[in-house]
Amino acid sequence: MTCASLNAASPHLVAHRGASYDAPENTVPSVMLAWEKEADATEVDIHMTRDHRIVVIHDSSTERTTGSDFKVAETDYQQLVPLDAGKWKGDAYDGTRIPLLSEVLSKVPEGKRIFVEIKCPSTVLPFLQKVVANSGLLSHQTVFIAFDWETIREAKARFPESDCFWLSGFKKDKITGKWNPSPSFVIERALNAGVDGVDVYHGGPVDKGFVDSAHGKGLEVHVYTVNDREDALRMLDAGVDGITTDRPAYLRAILKK
């Protein structure tokens, strides 16, 4: 485990699906805007097409962002090329395409990182290895995240030199007031997967105690998706290692104060 950012004075800012507050999510313009807005990293989501091409898109279907309903896993890449994934965000982005992961990786500058969320089955992993190997990025520049425990465990085995974080949400029981999963379960589950940390919902039980406990076991703590001042300052006080946000420039200004 690298744990390079444990106890960092200021958390790394990760642009959620690129700078998606201003630009169409999971597109090249959104990723490029993330760098302009002082993000330390960008996060993107991936699915694999029927012909084993890895594309950057959040949903398993193209309908929400393009208006055309194609199931990515059941469609060849060339059928996705004509789709417009930007116009929904404004005329300025008319004609923006669903990018290949290889294209997005080529836009990561020296000194910056990319968080790749694996949204599809783990069968993508050998193809992902090839794309990442061909990108020329250093291992510390690529971070892999997934909600599926088996997928992130296997990803760590395939990318031992890169950080891998297990994603988890939290729900509060209305009767008992307890969190599900519990903070201790999340930490232990991450340790059992052999990953480098957790990436958890900021609205859950994320406080200094949780972060200190994770750090004490050699795990980083990253949170998603923080877009307002109050939550950002609360996560800063908790000592998290990274904050994912749709608004990197806005949060950067807050954290600089």
C-alpha atoms as a PDB file:
ATOM      1  CA  MET A   1       0.000   0.000   0.000  1.00  0.00           C
ATOM      2  CA  THR A   2       1.236   3.462  -0.828  1.00  0.00           C
ATOM      3  CA  CYS A   3      -0.882   5.505   1.604  1.00  0.00           C
ATOM      4  CA  ALA A   4       0.926   8.557   0.195  1.00  0.00           C
ATOM      5  CA  SER A   5      -1.703  11.035   1.305  1.00  0.00           C
ATOM      6  CA  LEU A   6      -2.355   9.773   4.846  1.00  0.00           C
ATOM      7  CA  ASN A   7      -2.692  12.698   7.239  1.00  0.00           C
ATOM      8  CA  ALA A   8      -2.274  15.166   4.382  1.00  0.00           C
ATOM      9  CA  ALA A   9      -2.656  18.802   5.415  1.00  0.00           C
ATOM     10  CA  SER A  10      -5.204  19.373   2.682  1.00  0.00           C
ATOM     11  CA  PRO A  11      -7.243  16.686   0.911  1.00  0.00           C
ATOM     12  CA  HIS A  12      -6.806  15.988  -2.773  1.00  0.00           C
ATOM     13  CA  LEU A  13      -9.654  17.270  -4.915  1.00  0.00           C
ATOM     14  CA  VAL A  14     -11.063  14.801  -7.405  1.00  0.00           C
ATOM     15  CA  ALA A  15     -13.323  16.134 -10.162  1.00  0.00           C
ATOM     16  CA  HIS A  16     -16.415  13.908 -10.290  1.00  0.00           C
ATOM     17  CA  ARG A  17     -16.923  12.677 -13.852  1.00  0.00           C
ATOM     18  CA  GLY A  18     -14.672  15.580 -14.771  1.00  0.00           C
ATOM     19  CA  ALA A  19     -15.779  19.109 -13.900  1.00  0.00           C
ATOM     20  CA  SER A  20     -19.347  17.911 -14.338  1.00  0.00           C
ATOM     21  CA  TYR A  21     -21.053  20.904 -12.737  1.00  0.00           C
ATOM     22  CA  ASP A  22     -20.071  22.965 -15.776  1.00  0.00           C
ATOM     23  CA  ALA A  23     -19.384  20.451 -18.557  1.00  0.00           C
ATOM     24  CA  PRO A  24     -21.060  17.225 -19.727  1.00  0.00           C
ATOM     25  CA  GLU A  25     -20.042  14.393 -17.424  1.00  0.00           C
ATOM     26  CA  ASN A  26     -17.556  11.739 -18.490  1.00  0.00           C
ATOM     27  CA  THR A  27     -16.441  13.541 -21.629  1.00  0.00           C
ATOM     28  CA  VAL A  28     -13.124  14.928 -22.805  1.00  0.00           C
ATOM     29  CA  PRO A  29     -14.284  18.562 -22.319  1.00  0.00           C
ATOM     30  CA  SER A  30     -15.275  17.758 -18.740  1.00  0.00           C
ATOM     31  CA  VAL A  31     -11.920  16.134 -18.006  1.00  0.00           C
ATOM     32  CA  MET A  32      -9.979  18.985 -19.596  1.00  0.00           C
ATOM     33  CA  LEU A  33     -11.988  21.520 -17.599  1.00  0.00           C
ATOM     34  CA  ALA A  34     -11.092  19.657 -14.409  1.00  0.00           C
ATOM     35  CA  TRP A  35      -7.436  20.526 -14.917  1.00  0.00           C
ATOM     36  CA  GLU A  36      -8.280  24.175 -15.608  1.00  0.00           C
ATOM     37  CA  LYS A  37     -10.233  24.272 -12.354  1.00  0.00           C
ATOM     38  CA  GLU A  38      -7.286  23.081 -10.258  1.00  0.00           C
ATOM     39  CA  ALA A  39      -8.401  19.505  -9.625  1.00  0.00           C
ATOM     40  CA  ASP A  40      -5.679  17.147  -8.421  1.00  0.00           C
ATOM     41  CA  ALA A  41      -7.414  14.264 -10.160  1.00  0.00           C
ATOM     42  CA  THR A  42     -10.425  13.479 -12.250  1.00  0.00           C
ATOM     43  CA  GLU A  43     -12.820  10.587 -11.784  1.00  0.00           C
ATOM     44  CA  VAL A  44     -14.506   8.784 -14.661  1.00  0.00           C
ATOM     45  CA  ASP A  45     -16.784   5.762 -15.003  1.00  0.00           C
ATOM     46  CA  ILE A  46     -16.262   2.900 -17.412  1.00  0.00           C
ATOM     47  CA  HIS A  47     -18.312   0.253 -19.207  1.00  0.00           C
ATOM     48  CA  MET A  48     -17.241  -2.235 -21.862  1.00  0.00           C
ATOM     49  CA  THR A  49     -18.896  -2.592 -25.242  1.00  0.00           C
ATOM     50  CA  ARG A  50     -19.824  -5.858 -26.918  1.00  0.00           C
ATOM     51  CA  ASP A  51     -16.600  -5.738 -28.949  1.00  0.00           C
ATOM     52  CA  HIS A  52     -14.490  -5.203 -25.795  1.00  0.00           C
ATOM     53  CA  ARG A  53     -13.823  -1.473 -26.121  1.00  0.00           C
ATOM     54  CA  ILE A  54     -13.782   0.442 -22.850  1.00  0.00           C
ATOM     55  CA  VAL A  55     -15.875   3.603 -22.966  1.00  0.00           C
ATOM     56  CA  VAL A  56     -16.281   6.382 -20.426  1.00  0.00           C
ATOM     57  CA  ILE A  57     -19.903   6.584 -19.341  1.00  0.00           C
ATOM     58  CA  HIS A  58     -21.711   6.274 -16.016  1.00  0.00           C
ATOM     59  CA  ASP A  59     -24.873   4.384 -16.929  1.00  0.00           C
ATOM     60  CA  SER A  60     -25.152   0.979 -18.542  1.00  0.00           C
ATOM     61  CA  SER A  61     -27.381   2.653 -21.128  1.00  0.00           C
ATOM     62  CA  THR A  62     -26.660   5.724 -23.259  1.00  0.00           C
ATOM     63  CA  GLU A  63     -30.179   7.117 -22.953  1.00  0.00           C
ATOM     64  CA  ARG A  64     -29.749   9.656 -20.150  1.00  0.00           C
ATOM     65  CA  THR A  65     -26.769  11.470 -21.648  1.00  0.00           C
ATOM     66  CA  THR A  66     -27.391  11.017 -25.380  1.00  0.00           C
ATOM     67  CA  GLY A  67     -31.153  10.601 -25.776  1.00  0.00           C
ATOM     68  CA  SER A  68     -30.606   7.332 -27.657  1.00  0.00           C
ATOM     69  CA  ASP A  69     -31.090   4.081 -25.790  1.00  0.00           C
ATOM     70  CA  PHE A  70     -28.238   1.667 -26.411  1.00  0.00           C
ATOM     71  CA  LYS A  71     -27.140  -0.886 -23.826  1.00  0.00           C
ATOM     72  CA  VAL A  72     -23.376  -0.455 -23.823  1.00  0.00           C
ATOM     73  CA  ALA A  73     -22.593  -4.111 -23.131  1.00  0.00           C
ATOM     74  CA  GLU A  74     -24.826  -5.194 -26.029  1.00  0.00           C
ATOM     75  CA  THR A  75     -23.523  -2.665 -28.553  1.00  0.00           C
ATOM     76  CA  ASP A  76     -20.372  -2.448 -30.678  1.00  0.00           C
ATOM     77  CA  TYR A  77     -18.302   0.677 -30.175  1.00  0.00           C
ATOM     78  CA  GLN A  78     -18.827   2.021 -33.691  1.00  0.00           C
ATOM     79  CA  GLN A  79     -22.558   2.231 -33.027  1.00  0.00           C
ATOM     80  CA  LEU A  80     -21.860   4.582 -30.131  1.00  0.00           C
ATOM     81  CA  VAL A  81     -19.554   6.910 -32.053  1.00  0.00           C
ATOM     82  CA  PRO A  82     -22.314   9.046 -33.670  1.00  0.00           C
ATOM     83  CA  LEU A  83     -24.117   9.691 -30.381  1.00  0.00           C
ATOM     84  CA  ASP A  84     -24.053  13.189 -28.909  1.00  0.00           C
ATOM     85  CA  ALA A  85     -23.184  13.095 -25.205  1.00  0.00           C
ATOM     86  CA  GLY A  86     -22.804  16.848 -24.763  1.00  0.00           C
ATOM     87  CA  LYS A  87     -25.753  18.748 -26.178  1.00  0.00           C
ATOM     88  CA  TRP A  88     -27.904  18.034 -23.102  1.00  0.00           C
ATOM     89  CA  LYS A  89     -25.506  20.262 -21.139  1.00  0.00           C
ATOM     90  CA  GLY A  90     -25.773  23.150 -23.613  1.00  0.00           C
ATOM     91  CA  ASP A  91     -25.215  24.129 -27.225  1.00  0.00           C
ATOM     92  CA  ALA A  92     -21.544  24.816 -26.513  1.00  0.00           C
ATOM     93  CA  TYR A  93     -21.053  21.070 -26.152  1.00  0.00           C
ATOM     94  CA  ASP A  94     -23.044  20.012 -29.199  1.00  0.00           C
ATOM     95  CA  GLY A  95     -21.317  17.099 -30.905  1.00  0.00           C
ATOM     96  CA  THR A  96     -19.364  15.882 -27.868  1.00  0.00           C
ATOM     97  CA  ARG A  97     -18.835  12.136 -28.089  1.00  0.00           C
ATOM     98  CA  ILE A  98     -18.707   9.267 -25.627  1.00  0.00           C
ATOM     99  CA  PRO A  99     -14.937   8.851 -25.320  1.00  0.00           C
ATOM    100  CA  LEU A 100     -12.834   5.760 -25.145  1.00  0.00           C
ATOM    101  CA  LEU A 101     -10.947   5.395 -21.880  1.00  0.00           C
ATOM    102  CA  SER A 102      -7.698   5.445 -23.858  1.00  0.00           C
ATOM    103  CA  GLU A 103      -8.541   8.941 -25.098  1.00  0.00           C
ATOM    104  CA  VAL A 104      -9.266  10.204 -21.600  1.00  0.00           C
ATOM    105  CA  LEU A 105      -6.085   8.669 -20.186  1.00  0.00           C
ATOM    106  CA  SER A 106      -4.102  10.539 -22.828  1.00  0.00           C
ATOM    107  CA  LYS A 107      -5.407  13.811 -21.348  1.00  0.00           C
ATOM    108  CA  VAL A 108      -3.997  13.253 -17.859  1.00  0.00           C
ATOM    109  CA  PRO A 109      -1.116  15.709 -17.337  1.00  0.00           C
ATOM    110  CA  GLU A 110       2.092  14.962 -15.514  1.00  0.00           C
ATOM    111  CA  GLY A 111       1.527  15.235 -11.789  1.00  0.00           C
ATOM    112  CA  LYS A 112      -2.217  14.571 -12.019  1.00  0.00           C
ATOM    113  CA  ARG A 113      -4.197  11.400 -11.359  1.00  0.00           C
ATOM    114  CA  ILE A 114      -7.285   9.676 -12.693  1.00  0.00           C
ATOM    115  CA  PHE A 115      -9.757   7.634 -10.645  1.00  0.00           C
ATOM    116  CA  VAL A 116     -11.363   4.952 -12.814  1.00  0.00           C
ATOM    117  CA  GLU A 117     -14.643   3.662 -11.424  1.00  0.00           C
ATOM    118  CA  ILE A 118     -15.374   0.181 -12.712  1.00  0.00           C
ATOM    119  CA  LYS A 119     -19.128   0.102 -13.264  1.00  0.00           C
ATOM    120  CA  CYS A 120     -19.268  -3.082 -15.328  1.00  0.00           C
ATOM    121  CA  PRO A 121     -18.509  -6.743 -14.514  1.00  0.00           C
ATOM    122  CA  SER A 122     -14.947  -7.745 -13.683  1.00  0.00           C
ATOM    123  CA  THR A 123     -14.570  -9.333 -17.122  1.00  0.00           C
ATOM    124  CA  VAL A 124     -13.383  -5.860 -18.166  1.00  0.00           C
ATOM    125  CA  LEU A 125     -10.206  -6.150 -16.097  1.00  0.00           C
ATOM    126  CA  PRO A 126      -7.854  -7.880 -18.580  1.00  0.00           C
ATOM    127  CA  PHE A 127      -8.902  -5.371 -21.253  1.00  0.00           C
ATOM    128  CA  LEU A 128      -8.451  -2.551 -18.765  1.00  0.00           C
ATOM    129  CA  GLN A 129      -4.923  -3.752 -18.052  1.00  0.00           C
ATOM    130  CA  LYS A 130      -4.022  -3.449 -21.726  1.00  0.00           C
ATOM    131  CA  VAL A 131      -5.494   0.038 -22.072  1.00  0.00           C
ATOM    132  CA  VAL A 132      -3.709   1.297 -18.962  1.00  0.00           C
ATOM    133  CA  ALA A 133      -0.413  -0.319 -19.975  1.00  0.00           C
ATOM    134  CA  ASN A 134      -0.596   1.405 -23.362  1.00  0.00           C
ATOM    135  CA  SER A 135      -1.420   4.791 -21.840  1.00  0.00           C
ATOM    136  CA  GLY A 136       2.095   5.564 -20.657  1.00  0.00           C
ATOM    137  CA  LEU A 137       0.774   6.784 -17.301  1.00  0.00           C
ATOM    138  CA  LEU A 138       2.769   5.972 -14.199  1.00  0.00           C
ATOM    139  CA  SER A 139       1.208   3.534 -11.767  1.00  0.00           C
ATOM    140  CA  HIS A 140       0.643   6.200  -9.122  1.00  0.00           C
ATOM    141  CA  GLN A 141      -1.390   8.238 -11.622  1.00  0.00           C
ATOM    142  CA  THR A 142      -4.052   5.561 -12.011  1.00  0.00           C
ATOM    143  CA  VAL A 143      -6.480   4.804  -9.199  1.00  0.00           C
ATOM    144  CA  PHE A 144      -9.218   2.175  -9.410  1.00  0.00           C
ATOM    145  CA  ILE A 145     -12.476   2.252  -7.478  1.00  0.00           C
ATOM    146  CA  ALA A 146     -15.555   0.030  -7.433  1.00  0.00           C
ATOM    147  CA  PHE A 147     -18.576  -0.718  -5.282  1.00  0.00           C
ATOM    148  CA  ASP A 148     -18.369  -4.420  -6.053  1.00  0.00           C
ATOM    149  CA  TRP A 149     -16.053  -5.954  -3.459  1.00  0.00           C
ATOM    150  CA  GLU A 150     -14.863  -8.842  -5.625  1.00  0.00           C
ATOM    151  CA  THR A 151     -14.141  -6.497  -8.520  1.00  0.00           C
ATOM    152  CA  ILE A 152     -11.984  -4.120  -6.490  1.00  0.00           C
ATOM    153  CA  ARG A 153     -10.209  -7.044  -4.844  1.00  0.00           C
ATOM    154  CA  GLU A 154      -9.335  -8.457  -8.258  1.00  0.00           C
ATOM    155  CA  ALA A 155      -8.397  -5.017  -9.544  1.00  0.00           C
ATOM    156  CA  LYS A 156      -5.828  -4.680  -6.760  1.00  0.00           C
ATOM    157  CA  ALA A 157      -4.370  -8.042  -7.698  1.00  0.00           C
ATOM    158  CA  ARG A 158      -4.042  -6.936 -11.319  1.00  0.00           C
ATOM    159  CA  PHE A 159      -2.794  -3.415 -10.508  1.00  0.00           C
ATOM    160  CA  PRO A 160      -0.624  -3.969  -7.424  1.00  0.00           C
ATOM    161  CA  GLU A 161       1.328  -0.728  -7.896  1.00  0.00           C
ATOM    162  CA  SER A 162      -1.759   1.464  -8.241  1.00  0.00           C
ATOM    163  CA  ASP A 163      -4.071   2.603  -5.463  1.00  0.00           C
ATOM    164  CA  CYS A 164      -7.395   0.785  -5.303  1.00  0.00           C
ATOM    165  CA  PHE A 165     -10.247   1.984  -3.095  1.00  0.00           C
ATOM    166  CA  TRP A 166     -13.459   0.196  -2.189  1.00  0.00           C
ATOM    167  CA  LEU A 167     -16.551   2.348  -2.672  1.00  0.00           C
ATOM    168  CA  SER A 168     -19.302   2.206  -0.087  1.00  0.00           C
ATOM    169  CA  GLY A 169     -22.461   4.090   0.695  1.00  0.00           C
ATOM    170  CA  PHE A 170     -24.177   4.353   4.081  1.00  0.00           C
ATOM    171  CA  LYS A 171     -27.811   4.107   5.140  1.00  0.00           C
ATOM    172  CA  LYS A 172     -29.139   4.974   8.579  1.00  0.00           C
ATOM    173  CA  ASP A 173     -31.699   2.698  10.189  1.00  0.00           C
ATOM    174  CA  LYS A 174     -34.704   4.861  11.080  1.00  0.00           C
ATOM    175  CA  ILE A 175     -35.472   2.806  14.163  1.00  0.00           C
ATOM    176  CA  THR A 176     -32.074   2.048  15.693  1.00  0.00           C
ATOM    177  CA  GLY A 177     -30.189   5.034  14.299  1.00  0.00           C
ATOM    178  CA  LYS A 178     -27.314   2.734  13.393  1.00  0.00           C
ATOM    179  CA  TRP A 179     -25.424   2.970  10.129  1.00  0.00           C
ATOM    180  CA  ASN A 180     -25.477   0.162   7.606  1.00  0.00           C
ATOM    181  CA  PRO A 181     -22.848  -0.880   6.876  1.00  0.00           C
ATOM    182  CA  SER A 182     -21.127   0.053  10.102  1.00  0.00           C
ATOM    183  CA  PRO A 183     -17.896   2.074   9.960  1.00  0.00           C
ATOM    184  CA  SER A 184     -15.938  -0.841  11.415  1.00  0.00           C
ATOM    185  CA  PHE A 185     -17.353  -3.227   8.797  1.00  0.00           C
ATOM    186  CA  VAL A 186     -16.267  -0.917   5.970  1.00  0.00           C
ATOM    187  CA  ILE A 187     -12.734  -0.747   7.328  1.00  0.00           C
ATOM    188  CA  GLU A 188     -12.458  -4.498   7.886  1.00  0.00           C
ATOM    189  CA  ARG A 189     -13.940  -5.295   4.500  1.00  0.00           C
ATOM    190  CA  ALA A 190     -11.397  -3.048   2.805  1.00  0.00           C
ATOM    191  CA  LEU A 191      -8.585  -4.731   4.714  1.00  0.00           C
ATOM    192  CA  ASN A 192      -9.878  -8.138   3.670  1.00  0.00           C
ATOM    193  CA  ALA A 193      -9.810  -7.045   0.028  1.00  0.00           C
ATOM    194  CA  GLY A 194      -6.187  -5.970   0.352  1.00  0.00           C
ATOM    195  CA  VAL A 195      -6.954  -2.526  -1.069  1.00  0.00           C
ATOM    196  CA  ASP A 196      -5.401   0.807  -0.181  1.00  0.00           C
ATOM    197  CA  GLY A 197      -8.409   2.565   1.253  1.00  0.00           C
ATOM    198  CA  VAL A 198     -12.082   3.359   1.105  1.00  0.00           C
ATOM    199  CA  ASP A 199     -14.082   5.887  -0.885  1.00  0.00           C
ATOM    200  CA  VAL A 200     -17.302   6.504   1.027  1.00  0.00           C
ATOM    201  CA  TYR A 201     -20.385   8.696   0.999  1.00  0.00           C
ATOM    202  CA  HIS A 202     -19.681  11.939   2.850  1.00  0.00           C
ATOM    203  CA  GLY A 203     -23.140  12.001   4.412  1.00  0.00           C
ATOM    204  CA  GLY A 204     -22.483   8.842   6.381  1.00  0.00           C
ATOM    205  CA  PRO A 205     -20.587   8.402   9.665  1.00  0.00           C
ATOM    206  CA  VAL A 206     -17.429  10.042   8.381  1.00  0.00           C
ATOM    207  CA  ASP A 207     -15.756  11.878  11.234  1.00  0.00           C
ATOM    208  CA  LYS A 208     -12.294  12.164  12.732  1.00  0.00           C
ATOM    209  CA  GLY A 209     -12.783   8.933  14.662  1.00  0.00           C
ATOM    210  CA  PHE A 210     -13.587   6.978  11.515  1.00  0.00           C
ATOM    211  CA  VAL A 211     -10.692   8.511   9.600  1.00  0.00           C
ATOM    212  CA  ASP A 212      -8.214   7.989  12.442  1.00  0.00           C
ATOM    213  CA  SER A 213      -9.304   4.374  12.751  1.00  0.00           C
ATOM    214  CA  ALA A 214      -8.808   3.778   9.031  1.00  0.00           C
ATOM    215  CA  HIS A 215      -5.454   5.565   9.039  1.00  0.00           C
ATOM    216  CA  GLY A 216      -4.364   3.471  11.996  1.00  0.00           C
ATOM    217  CA  LYS A 217      -4.849   0.402   9.844  1.00  0.00           C
ATOM    218  CA  GLY A 218      -2.990   1.897   6.883  1.00  0.00           C
ATOM    219  CA  LEU A 219      -6.066   2.817   4.849  1.00  0.00           C
ATOM    220  CA  GLU A 220      -6.777   6.081   3.093  1.00  0.00           C
ATOM    221  CA  VAL A 221     -10.224   7.668   3.329  1.00  0.00           C
ATOM    222  CA  HIS A 222     -11.768   9.446   0.368  1.00  0.00           C
ATOM    223  CA  VAL A 223     -15.307  10.789   0.207  1.00  0.00           C
ATOM    224  CA  TYR A 224     -17.896  11.534  -2.482  1.00  0.00           C
ATOM    225  CA  THR A 225     -19.633  13.776  -3.689  1.00  0.00           C
ATOM    226  CA  VAL A 226     -19.103  17.073  -1.831  1.00  0.00           C
ATOM    227  CA  ASN A 227     -20.404  20.266  -3.438  1.00  0.00           C
ATOM    228  CA  ASP A 228     -21.023  22.758  -0.642  1.00  0.00           C
ATOM    229  CA  ARG A 229     -18.956  24.671   1.886  1.00  0.00           C
ATOM    230  CA  GLU A 230     -20.345  23.123   5.069  1.00  0.00           C
ATOM    231  CA  ASP A 231     -19.707  19.559   3.956  1.00  0.00           C
ATOM    232  CA  ALA A 232     -16.250  20.441   2.631  1.00  0.00           C
ATOM    233  CA  LEU A 233     -15.173  21.975   5.929  1.00  0.00           C
ATOM    234  CA  ARG A 234     -16.593  19.023   7.861  1.00  0.00           C
ATOM    235  CA  MET A 235     -14.562  16.615   5.726  1.00  0.00           C
ATOM    236  CA  LEU A 236     -11.484  18.795   6.180  1.00  0.00           C
ATOM    237  CA  ASP A 237     -11.923  18.626   9.956  1.00  0.00           C
ATOM    238  CA  ALA A 238     -12.340  14.863   9.745  1.00  0.00           C
ATOM    239  CA  GLY A 239      -8.940  14.625   8.045  1.00  0.00           C
ATOM    240  CA  VAL A 240      -9.971  12.797   4.888  1.00  0.00           C
ATOM    241  CA  ASP A 241      -7.346  12.198   2.222  1.00  0.00           C
ATOM    242  CA  GLY A 242      -9.471  13.104  -0.778  1.00  0.00           C
ATOM    243  CA  ILE A 243     -12.745  14.782  -1.695  1.00  0.00           C
ATOM    244  CA  THR A 244     -14.643  14.050  -4.889  1.00  0.00           C
ATOM    245  CA  THR A 245     -16.681  16.995  -6.151  1.00  0.00           C
ATOM    246  CA  ASP A 246     -18.553  18.268  -9.186  1.00  0.00           C
ATOM    247  CA  ARG A 247     -17.134  21.732  -8.422  1.00  0.00           C
ATOM    248  CA  PRO A 248     -13.332  21.535  -7.977  1.00  0.00           C
ATOM    249  CA  ALA A 249     -12.636  25.264  -8.343  1.00  0.00           C
ATOM    250  CA  TYR A 250     -15.334  26.164  -5.820  1.00  0.00           C
ATOM    251  CA  LEU A 251     -14.019  23.703  -3.252  1.00  0.00           C
ATOM    252  CA  ARG A 252     -10.425  24.705  -3.921  1.00  0.00           C
ATOM    253  CA  ALA A 253     -11.285  28.278  -2.998  1.00  0.00           C
ATOM    254  CA  ILE A 254     -12.936  27.100   0.221  1.00  0.00           C
ATOM    255  CA  LEU A 255     -10.051  24.869   1.275  1.00  0.00           C
ATOM    256  CA  LYS A 256      -7.503  27.622   0.610  1.00  0.00           C
ATOM    257  CA  LYS A 257      -9.116  29.938   3.176  1.00  0.00           C
END
